[in-house]
Amino acid sequence: MTSSTVKRAATLHDVAQEAGVSLATASRVLNGSTRKVAESYRERVEAAAARLGYSANFSAQATARGSSHAIALLVANIADSYFSQVAAGVAHAAEEQNLVMSIGITERSPEREARLIRSLRGQRPYGIVLAASRRTSESSPALAQALADLENDGVRVVTLGSPADGVTSRTVGIANREGTHELGATLAGLGYREAIVLAADAGLITSDDRVAGFVSGFTEAGGSEPRILRGELTRDAGYELMTRALAEGVAAGTVVFGASDVVAFGAMSAVRDAGREVGSDIAIAGFGDIDTGRDIVPALTTVRAPLDELGRQAVAAVTADEWTDPDPLPVDVIVRDSTPGR
């Protein structure tokens, strides 16, 4: 094929002519403007763009505007349904705001998070949502510099839970400590007096808050001081920690709290593999109320967190011109068959 036969890419001007509208109207429809366009014009422009094979040059738009219509979400592990439900909320809200969402996986590594942020910076994102839990001793100079560079570029940074060090981020979150305090008190009220907590290593703020809330709620309502085992907030860690607890001895009638639902799932498997029964023998509870927990047998007692709404609130924090960090979103304790009354 010679250069003379190469088909010219359709331009925004071509689309406007094809649709019989002004260039400004075509731009508002196809370039994500927040200004209202009559539905009849929108349909004509979108149909014309489809006929001509028009594709917006987002890179050029980002250079011209100083930012793109992209919003980036960084999560610890997208395979964890907790984060995937948050991501769904971000995606739905982003679409409503004519924003395109991308996802990066941090594996809770500050260094990996810094690399992702540096890469995203070149795309001139409109905003970045940091959903991976923060640590009390975040000491990554690379991450601090990457976040500072974003702030200098005017990129809005939103963190879920605790604010990121070294940057003026907007923050949204859920009532982790309050929810687990209520869970602990509820389980003690059901007659449990011995408890084991399976949590992340000390320093992961989300996990620490849930542990502190559960311990205070359980002991204040009459339970003994729980035994705490630490690892990661994963299904495999839940299995390994519960296996260790069983080897050390777990009395019938003990309740086990996994600091996330997936940790609780791992614990349930370990209990069964040890020839013990979940519920009537060893009770288990979690946090999050991800969809899977409602379908396993016995159904998992948990703290229901509004994960979709959390994601939507994060996008609102990115797009709002004026923002005051709201109170943490309230949560609900859901008692199911995995923790029958004693």
Protein backbone atom coordinates (compact mmCIF):
# COMPACT_ATOMS: atom_id res chain seq x y z
CA MET A 1 0.00 0.00 0.00
CA THR A 2 1.41 3.41 -1.04
CA SER A 3 1.17 6.53 1.07
CA SER A 4 -1.41 7.94 -1.35
CA THR A 5 -3.83 5.12 -0.52
CA VAL A 6 -3.58 5.39 3.26
CA LYS A 7 -6.97 6.36 4.62
CA ARG A 8 -6.96 9.63 6.56
CA ALA A 9 -8.18 9.32 10.13
CA ALA A 10 -11.48 11.09 10.78
CA THR A 11 -11.20 14.36 12.65
CA LEU A 12 -13.57 16.04 15.07
CA HIS A 13 -14.36 18.53 12.29
CA ASP A 14 -15.40 15.63 10.02
CA VAL A 15 -17.74 14.31 12.72
CA ALA A 16 -19.32 17.72 13.24
CA GLN A 17 -19.97 18.06 9.49
CA GLU A 18 -21.35 14.53 9.26
CA ALA A 19 -23.71 15.12 12.19
CA GLY A 20 -24.72 18.62 11.07
CA VAL A 21 -23.72 20.25 14.35
CA SER A 22 -21.16 22.83 15.40
CA LEU A 23 -17.59 21.84 16.21
CA ALA A 24 -18.19 22.92 19.83
CA THR A 25 -21.19 20.60 20.16
CA ALA A 26 -19.29 17.66 18.72
CA SER A 27 -16.44 18.36 21.12
CA ARG A 28 -18.73 18.47 24.14
CA VAL A 29 -20.22 15.09 23.23
CA LEU A 30 -16.99 13.26 22.43
CA ASN A 31 -14.43 14.89 24.71
CA GLY A 32 -16.18 14.41 28.02
CA SER A 33 -17.37 17.96 28.65
CA THR A 34 -19.63 18.45 31.67
CA ARG A 35 -21.76 20.96 29.72
CA LYS A 36 -25.21 19.70 28.77
CA VAL A 37 -25.96 18.70 25.18
CA ALA A 38 -29.45 17.97 23.86
CA GLU A 39 -30.02 14.22 23.60
CA SER A 40 -30.94 14.47 19.90
CA TYR A 41 -27.59 16.18 19.16
CA ARG A 42 -25.72 13.65 21.29
CA GLU A 43 -27.24 10.75 19.35
CA ARG A 44 -26.39 12.37 16.01
CA VAL A 45 -22.79 13.04 17.01
CA GLU A 46 -22.23 9.55 18.42
CA ALA A 47 -23.76 7.96 15.30
CA ALA A 48 -21.58 10.09 13.03
CA ALA A 49 -18.46 9.22 15.02
CA ALA A 50 -19.30 5.52 14.71
CA ARG A 51 -19.84 5.77 10.94
CA LEU A 52 -16.55 7.61 10.42
CA GLY A 53 -14.56 5.48 12.86
CA TYR A 54 -13.58 8.56 14.84
CA SER A 55 -11.42 8.06 17.94
CA ALA A 56 -10.58 10.92 20.30
CA ASN A 57 -6.88 11.67 20.74
CA PHE A 58 -6.80 11.63 24.55
CA SER A 59 -3.04 12.07 24.67
CA ALA A 60 -3.23 15.32 22.72
CA GLN A 61 -6.18 16.48 24.81
CA ALA A 62 -4.27 15.80 28.01
CA THR A 63 -1.30 17.81 26.77
CA ALA A 64 -3.51 20.72 25.79
CA ARG A 65 -5.52 20.74 29.02
CA GLY A 66 -2.78 19.71 31.41
CA SER A 67 -4.79 16.63 32.42
CA SER A 68 -6.77 13.79 30.85
CA HIS A 69 -10.20 12.31 31.46
CA ALA A 70 -8.53 9.36 33.15
CA ILE A 71 -8.82 8.38 36.80
CA ALA A 72 -6.48 5.74 38.21
CA LEU A 73 -7.36 3.35 41.02
CA LEU A 74 -4.52 1.64 42.89
CA VAL A 75 -5.57 -1.39 44.94
CA ALA A 76 -3.66 -3.97 46.95
CA ASN A 77 -5.15 -7.01 45.19
CA ILE A 78 -7.94 -6.94 42.62
CA ALA A 79 -8.53 -10.69 43.13
CA ASP A 80 -9.83 -9.85 46.63
CA SER A 81 -13.57 -9.24 46.27
CA TYR A 82 -13.33 -6.42 48.83
CA PHE A 83 -11.23 -4.38 46.40
CA SER A 84 -13.15 -5.50 43.32
CA GLN A 85 -16.39 -4.22 44.85
CA VAL A 86 -14.72 -0.89 45.62
CA ALA A 87 -13.45 -0.84 42.04
CA ALA A 88 -16.98 -1.41 40.74
CA GLY A 89 -18.16 1.66 42.62
CA VAL A 90 -15.29 3.73 41.24
CA ALA A 91 -15.96 2.48 37.70
CA HIS A 92 -19.68 3.26 37.79
CA ALA A 93 -19.17 6.74 39.23
CA ALA A 94 -16.32 7.46 36.81
CA GLU A 95 -18.50 6.54 33.84
CA GLU A 96 -21.22 8.89 35.08
CA GLN A 97 -18.60 11.68 35.14
CA ASN A 98 -17.27 10.82 31.65
CA LEU A 99 -14.00 9.61 33.15
CA VAL A 100 -12.04 6.56 32.04
CA MET A 101 -10.78 4.35 34.86
CA SER A 102 -7.57 2.35 34.95
CA ILE A 103 -6.45 -0.04 37.71
CA GLY A 104 -3.03 -0.77 39.15
CA ILE A 105 -2.16 -3.45 41.70
CA THR A 106 0.23 -2.42 44.48
CA GLU A 107 0.45 -5.67 46.49
CA ARG A 108 0.76 -3.32 49.50
CA SER A 109 4.30 -2.44 48.45
CA PRO A 110 5.16 1.29 48.76
CA GLU A 111 7.93 0.85 46.19
CA ARG A 112 5.57 -0.75 43.68
CA GLU A 113 3.01 1.97 44.40
CA ALA A 114 5.68 4.61 43.68
CA ARG A 115 6.55 2.97 40.34
CA LEU A 116 2.91 2.88 39.30
CA ILE A 117 2.38 6.50 40.26
CA ARG A 118 5.44 7.61 38.28
CA SER A 119 4.14 5.71 35.25
CA LEU A 120 0.64 7.17 35.61
CA ARG A 121 2.03 10.68 35.99
CA GLY A 122 3.11 10.61 32.35
CA GLN A 123 -0.52 10.05 31.35
CA ARG A 124 -1.57 13.27 33.11
CA PRO A 125 -4.48 11.70 35.03
CA TYR A 126 -7.33 13.81 36.34
CA GLY A 127 -7.04 12.07 39.69
CA ILE A 128 -5.67 9.01 41.51
CA VAL A 129 -7.45 6.95 44.15
CA LEU A 130 -5.18 5.06 46.54
CA ALA A 131 -7.16 2.11 47.90
CA ALA A 132 -4.29 0.05 49.32
CA SER A 133 -4.19 0.29 53.11
CA ARG A 134 -1.67 2.77 54.54
CA ARG A 135 0.89 1.81 57.16
CA THR A 136 1.69 3.65 60.35
CA SER A 137 5.40 3.61 59.49
CA GLU A 138 5.25 4.51 55.79
CA SER A 139 8.91 5.29 55.16
CA SER A 140 9.34 5.11 51.41
CA PRO A 141 11.17 8.21 50.08
CA ALA A 142 10.30 7.08 46.54
CA LEU A 143 6.57 7.00 47.32
CA ALA A 144 6.68 10.34 49.12
CA GLN A 145 8.44 11.93 46.12
CA ALA A 146 6.04 10.36 43.60
CA LEU A 147 3.05 11.71 45.54
CA ALA A 148 4.66 15.14 45.90
CA ASP A 149 5.25 15.26 42.13
CA LEU A 150 1.57 14.47 41.54
CA GLU A 151 0.54 17.26 43.87
CA ASN A 152 2.87 19.68 42.09
CA ASP A 153 1.20 18.68 38.79
CA GLY A 154 -2.21 19.54 40.23
CA VAL A 155 -3.41 15.92 40.22
CA ARG A 156 -6.01 15.25 42.90
CA VAL A 157 -5.05 12.37 45.18
CA VAL A 158 -7.76 10.57 47.16
CA THR A 159 -6.95 7.95 49.78
CA LEU A 160 -9.33 5.39 51.25
CA GLY A 161 -8.97 5.26 55.01
CA SER A 162 -5.87 7.09 56.20
CA PRO A 163 -4.24 10.01 54.36
CA ALA A 164 -1.00 9.43 52.50
CA ASP A 165 2.15 10.95 53.97
CA GLY A 166 3.71 13.91 52.20
CA VAL A 167 0.68 14.96 50.16
CA THR A 168 -2.51 16.92 50.79
CA SER A 169 -4.85 14.12 49.83
CA ARG A 170 -8.60 14.01 50.12
CA THR A 171 -9.76 11.10 52.27
CA VAL A 172 -12.86 8.91 52.43
CA GLY A 173 -13.33 5.81 54.54
CA ILE A 174 -15.52 3.40 56.46
CA ALA A 175 -16.03 2.99 60.19
CA ASN A 176 -13.59 0.10 60.70
CA ARG A 177 -13.04 0.48 64.45
CA GLU A 178 -16.67 1.26 65.26
CA GLY A 179 -17.94 -1.66 63.20
CA THR A 180 -15.67 -4.25 64.76
CA HIS A 181 -16.36 -2.88 68.25
CA GLU A 182 -20.03 -3.61 67.62
CA LEU A 183 -19.16 -7.04 66.20
CA GLY A 184 -17.11 -7.95 69.27
CA ALA A 185 -19.86 -6.82 71.62
CA THR A 186 -22.50 -8.69 69.59
CA LEU A 187 -20.53 -11.95 69.68
CA ALA A 188 -19.92 -11.65 73.42
CA GLY A 189 -23.65 -11.03 73.76
CA LEU A 190 -24.30 -14.31 71.94
CA GLY A 191 -22.42 -16.10 74.71
CA TYR A 192 -18.84 -16.32 73.38
CA ARG A 193 -16.12 -15.87 75.98
CA GLU A 194 -12.96 -17.01 74.13
CA ALA A 195 -11.82 -15.39 70.87
CA ILE A 196 -8.99 -15.54 68.36
CA VAL A 197 -8.21 -12.67 65.99
CA LEU A 198 -6.48 -13.30 62.63
CA ALA A 199 -5.05 -10.04 61.33
CA ALA A 200 -2.34 -8.41 59.24
CA ASP A 201 1.09 -7.65 60.64
CA ALA A 202 1.03 -4.72 63.06
CA GLY A 203 1.28 -1.36 61.31
CA LEU A 204 -1.35 -1.86 58.60
CA ILE A 205 -3.78 0.84 59.73
CA THR A 206 -7.01 -0.74 58.47
CA SER A 207 -6.23 -4.07 60.15
CA ASP A 208 -5.03 -2.42 63.36
CA ASP A 209 -8.24 -0.41 63.62
CA ARG A 210 -10.36 -3.53 63.16
CA VAL A 211 -8.36 -5.47 65.74
CA ALA A 212 -8.57 -2.66 68.30
CA GLY A 213 -12.30 -2.27 67.77
CA PHE A 214 -13.01 -5.98 68.08
CA VAL A 215 -10.86 -6.47 71.19
CA SER A 216 -12.44 -3.52 73.02
CA GLY A 217 -16.00 -4.51 72.05
CA PHE A 218 -15.51 -8.16 72.99
CA THR A 219 -13.82 -7.58 76.35
CA GLU A 220 -16.12 -4.76 77.41
CA ALA A 221 -19.11 -7.06 76.82
CA GLY A 222 -17.70 -9.85 79.00
CA GLY A 223 -15.30 -11.78 76.77
CA SER A 224 -11.72 -12.59 77.70
CA GLU A 225 -8.72 -10.94 76.02
CA PRO A 226 -8.51 -12.47 72.52
CA ARG A 227 -5.44 -14.29 71.21
CA ILE A 228 -4.09 -12.36 68.19
CA LEU A 229 -2.25 -14.05 65.31
CA ARG A 230 -0.82 -11.91 62.52
CA GLY A 231 0.15 -12.46 58.89
CA GLU A 232 -1.56 -10.98 55.81
CA LEU A 233 -5.12 -10.12 54.79
CA THR A 234 -5.41 -13.02 52.34
CA ARG A 235 -7.28 -16.31 52.19
CA ASP A 236 -4.06 -18.33 52.37
CA ALA A 237 -2.85 -16.38 55.39
CA GLY A 238 -6.19 -17.04 57.10
CA TYR A 239 -5.74 -20.75 56.46
CA GLU A 240 -2.16 -20.79 57.75
CA LEU A 241 -2.91 -18.72 60.85
CA MET A 242 -5.93 -20.86 61.73
CA THR A 243 -3.90 -24.03 61.22
CA ARG A 244 -1.33 -22.68 63.67
CA ALA A 245 -4.03 -21.80 66.18
CA LEU A 246 -5.53 -25.29 65.94
CA ALA A 247 -2.12 -26.86 66.50
CA GLU A 248 -1.76 -24.78 69.66
CA GLY A 249 -5.27 -25.75 70.75
CA VAL A 250 -8.68 -24.18 70.20
CA ALA A 251 -11.47 -25.02 72.63
CA ALA A 252 -14.96 -25.72 71.39
CA GLY A 253 -17.09 -22.60 71.63
CA THR A 254 -14.27 -20.24 70.60
CA VAL A 255 -15.10 -17.50 68.09
CA VAL A 256 -12.52 -16.55 65.44
CA PHE A 257 -12.54 -13.07 63.90
CA GLY A 258 -10.80 -12.68 60.53
CA ALA A 259 -9.90 -9.04 59.90
CA SER A 260 -11.29 -9.45 56.37
CA ASP A 261 -13.82 -11.86 54.89
CA VAL A 262 -11.18 -13.62 52.80
CA VAL A 263 -9.13 -14.29 55.94
CA ALA A 264 -12.27 -15.76 57.52
CA PHE A 265 -12.78 -17.99 54.45
CA GLY A 266 -9.27 -19.39 54.85
CA ALA A 267 -9.91 -20.02 58.53
CA MET A 268 -13.12 -21.91 57.74
CA SER A 269 -11.24 -24.23 55.37
CA ALA A 270 -8.55 -24.87 57.97
CA VAL A 271 -11.16 -25.75 60.60
CA ARG A 272 -12.81 -28.25 58.26
CA ASP A 273 -9.49 -29.77 57.18
CA ALA A 274 -8.68 -30.34 60.86
CA GLY A 275 -11.90 -32.36 61.24
CA ARG A 276 -13.64 -29.63 63.24
CA GLU A 277 -16.99 -28.01 62.44
CA VAL A 278 -17.57 -24.36 61.63
CA GLY A 279 -20.35 -22.85 63.71
CA SER A 280 -21.39 -25.24 66.46
CA ASP A 281 -17.75 -26.09 67.31
CA ILE A 282 -15.61 -23.12 66.25
CA ALA A 283 -17.47 -19.95 65.27
CA ILE A 284 -16.02 -17.62 62.62
CA ALA A 285 -16.72 -14.02 61.62
CA GLY A 286 -15.20 -11.60 59.09
CA PHE A 287 -15.33 -8.05 57.81
CA GLY A 288 -16.62 -6.60 54.53
CA ASP A 289 -19.65 -8.70 53.57
CA ILE A 290 -18.30 -9.52 50.13
CA ASP A 291 -20.78 -11.45 48.00
CA THR A 292 -19.15 -14.87 48.48
CA GLY A 293 -19.73 -14.79 52.24
CA ARG A 294 -23.48 -15.00 51.77
CA ASP A 295 -23.29 -18.16 49.69
CA ILE A 296 -20.85 -20.36 51.62
CA VAL A 297 -22.15 -22.83 54.21
CA PRO A 298 -22.57 -21.84 56.93
CA ALA A 299 -23.14 -18.26 55.83
CA LEU A 300 -20.53 -15.92 57.29
CA THR A 301 -21.23 -13.49 60.11
CA THR A 302 -19.54 -10.24 59.19
CA VAL A 303 -19.52 -6.45 59.25
CA ARG A 304 -21.24 -5.14 56.13
CA ALA A 305 -19.26 -2.28 54.59
CA PRO A 306 -20.78 -0.11 51.80
CA LEU A 307 -17.94 -0.85 49.37
CA ASP A 308 -19.70 0.35 46.21
CA GLU A 309 -20.60 3.62 47.92
CA LEU A 310 -17.01 3.96 49.14
CA GLY A 311 -15.83 3.79 45.53
CA ARG A 312 -18.43 6.31 44.43
CA GLN A 313 -17.46 8.67 47.23
CA ALA A 314 -13.82 8.44 46.13
CA VAL A 315 -14.76 9.66 42.64
CA ALA A 316 -16.79 12.48 44.16
CA ALA A 317 -13.68 13.49 46.10
CA VAL A 318 -11.67 13.53 42.86
CA THR A 319 -14.15 15.61 40.88
CA ALA A 320 -15.41 18.10 43.48
CA ASP A 321 -13.91 21.58 43.29
CA GLU A 322 -14.49 22.08 47.02
CA TRP A 323 -14.14 19.15 49.40
CA THR A 324 -14.33 18.50 53.13
CA ASP A 325 -13.46 14.98 54.23
CA PRO A 326 -16.74 13.33 55.35
CA ASP A 327 -17.30 11.15 58.39
CA PRO A 328 -16.48 7.47 57.78
CA LEU A 329 -19.32 5.60 56.09
CA PRO A 330 -21.36 3.62 58.65
CA VAL A 331 -21.28 -0.18 58.69
CA ASP A 332 -23.66 -2.90 59.95
CA VAL A 333 -23.08 -6.14 61.84
CA ILE A 334 -24.71 -9.07 60.06
CA VAL A 335 -25.10 -12.21 62.20
CA ARG A 336 -25.36 -15.43 60.21
CA ASP A 337 -25.05 -19.17 60.85
CA SER A 338 -21.26 -19.20 61.28
CA THR A 339 -21.71 -17.76 64.80
CA PRO A 340 -24.74 -19.46 66.42
CA GLY A 341 -25.68 -18.39 69.93
CA ARG A 342 -24.02 -20.34 72.74
